[in-house]
């Protein structure tokens, strides 16, 4: 018995400290049962759950460090 897979395989890349990148188009089923679809050629899925566009990544995982007025000061 042979089974034939008619859909091409998708490449998935896990970015350490960042999103999961999936070659699209994709359909994503989230925890509450909602299914969302993206027709983009590359989809970034949020893994930190900080995204306002969850399940898609909006780069909220990137830390915003406060600017220091003394940066570059080497006293002490």
Protein backbone atom coordinates (compact mmCIF):
# COMPACT_ATOMS: atom_id res chain seq x y z
CA UNK A 1 0.00 0.00 0.00
CA UNK A 2 1.53 3.29 -1.07
CA UNK A 3 0.39 6.68 0.10
CA UNK A 4 1.06 9.70 -1.97
CA UNK A 5 1.56 13.09 -0.35
CA UNK A 6 0.17 15.70 -2.72
CA UNK A 7 1.25 18.70 -0.65
CA UNK A 8 4.86 19.90 -0.65
CA UNK A 9 6.68 19.84 2.67
CA UNK A 10 7.11 23.12 4.53
CA UNK A 11 10.42 24.39 5.87
CA UNK A 12 10.30 25.51 9.51
CA UNK A 13 13.12 27.44 11.18
CA UNK A 14 13.29 28.16 14.91
CA UNK A 15 15.03 31.45 15.71
CA UNK A 16 16.61 31.34 19.19
CA UNK A 17 15.00 34.07 21.30
CA UNK A 18 12.68 34.93 18.43
CA UNK A 19 9.87 33.60 16.27
CA UNK A 20 9.32 30.36 14.41
CA UNK A 21 9.63 30.99 10.67
CA UNK A 22 7.47 28.88 8.35
CA UNK A 23 7.37 28.94 4.58
CA UNK A 24 3.80 29.88 3.66
CA UNK A 25 1.02 29.90 2.89
CA UNK A 26 -0.13 28.41 6.20
CA UNK A 27 -3.20 27.91 8.37
CA UNK A 28 -2.63 28.18 12.12
CA UNK A 29 -5.04 26.80 14.75
CA UNK A 30 -4.56 28.67 18.05
CA UNK A 31 -5.46 27.54 21.58
CA UNK A 32 -9.02 28.89 21.54
CA UNK A 33 -9.86 27.02 18.33
CA UNK A 34 -9.64 30.00 15.98
CA UNK A 35 -7.95 29.23 12.66
CA UNK A 36 -6.02 32.04 10.98
CA UNK A 37 -4.52 31.92 7.48
CA UNK A 38 -1.58 33.72 5.94
CA UNK A 39 -0.79 33.68 2.24
CA UNK A 40 2.64 35.25 2.73
CA UNK A 41 5.68 33.37 1.43
CA UNK A 42 7.30 33.46 4.90
CA UNK A 43 5.33 33.60 8.16
CA UNK A 44 6.80 34.47 11.57
CA UNK A 45 4.93 32.88 14.47
CA UNK A 46 5.23 34.42 17.93
CA UNK A 47 6.71 32.22 20.66
CA UNK A 48 6.87 34.81 23.47
CA UNK A 49 3.11 35.67 23.41
CA UNK A 50 3.87 39.41 23.68
CA UNK A 51 2.73 40.12 20.13
CA UNK A 52 -0.32 42.31 19.63
CA UNK A 53 -0.86 40.33 16.40
CA UNK A 54 -0.62 36.88 18.04
CA UNK A 55 -0.14 34.23 16.68
CA UNK A 56 1.96 36.29 14.27
CA UNK A 57 5.20 37.91 15.46
CA UNK A 58 5.39 41.71 15.66
CA UNK A 59 8.96 41.73 17.11
CA UNK A 60 7.73 42.42 20.66
CA UNK A 61 10.29 39.86 21.85
CA UNK A 62 13.03 42.40 21.22
CA UNK A 63 13.96 44.24 24.39
CA UNK A 64 14.00 47.98 24.31
CA UNK A 65 16.82 49.15 26.51
CA UNK A 66 16.52 52.64 27.99
CA UNK A 67 19.01 55.16 26.68
CA UNK A 68 21.47 56.25 29.31
CA UNK A 69 22.58 59.88 29.36
CA UNK A 70 25.95 58.74 30.70
CA UNK A 71 26.71 56.16 28.01
CA UNK A 72 30.31 56.31 27.00
CA UNK A 73 31.32 57.98 30.29
CA UNK A 74 34.30 56.10 31.68
CA UNK A 75 34.63 57.74 35.09
CA UNK A 76 35.11 55.65 38.15
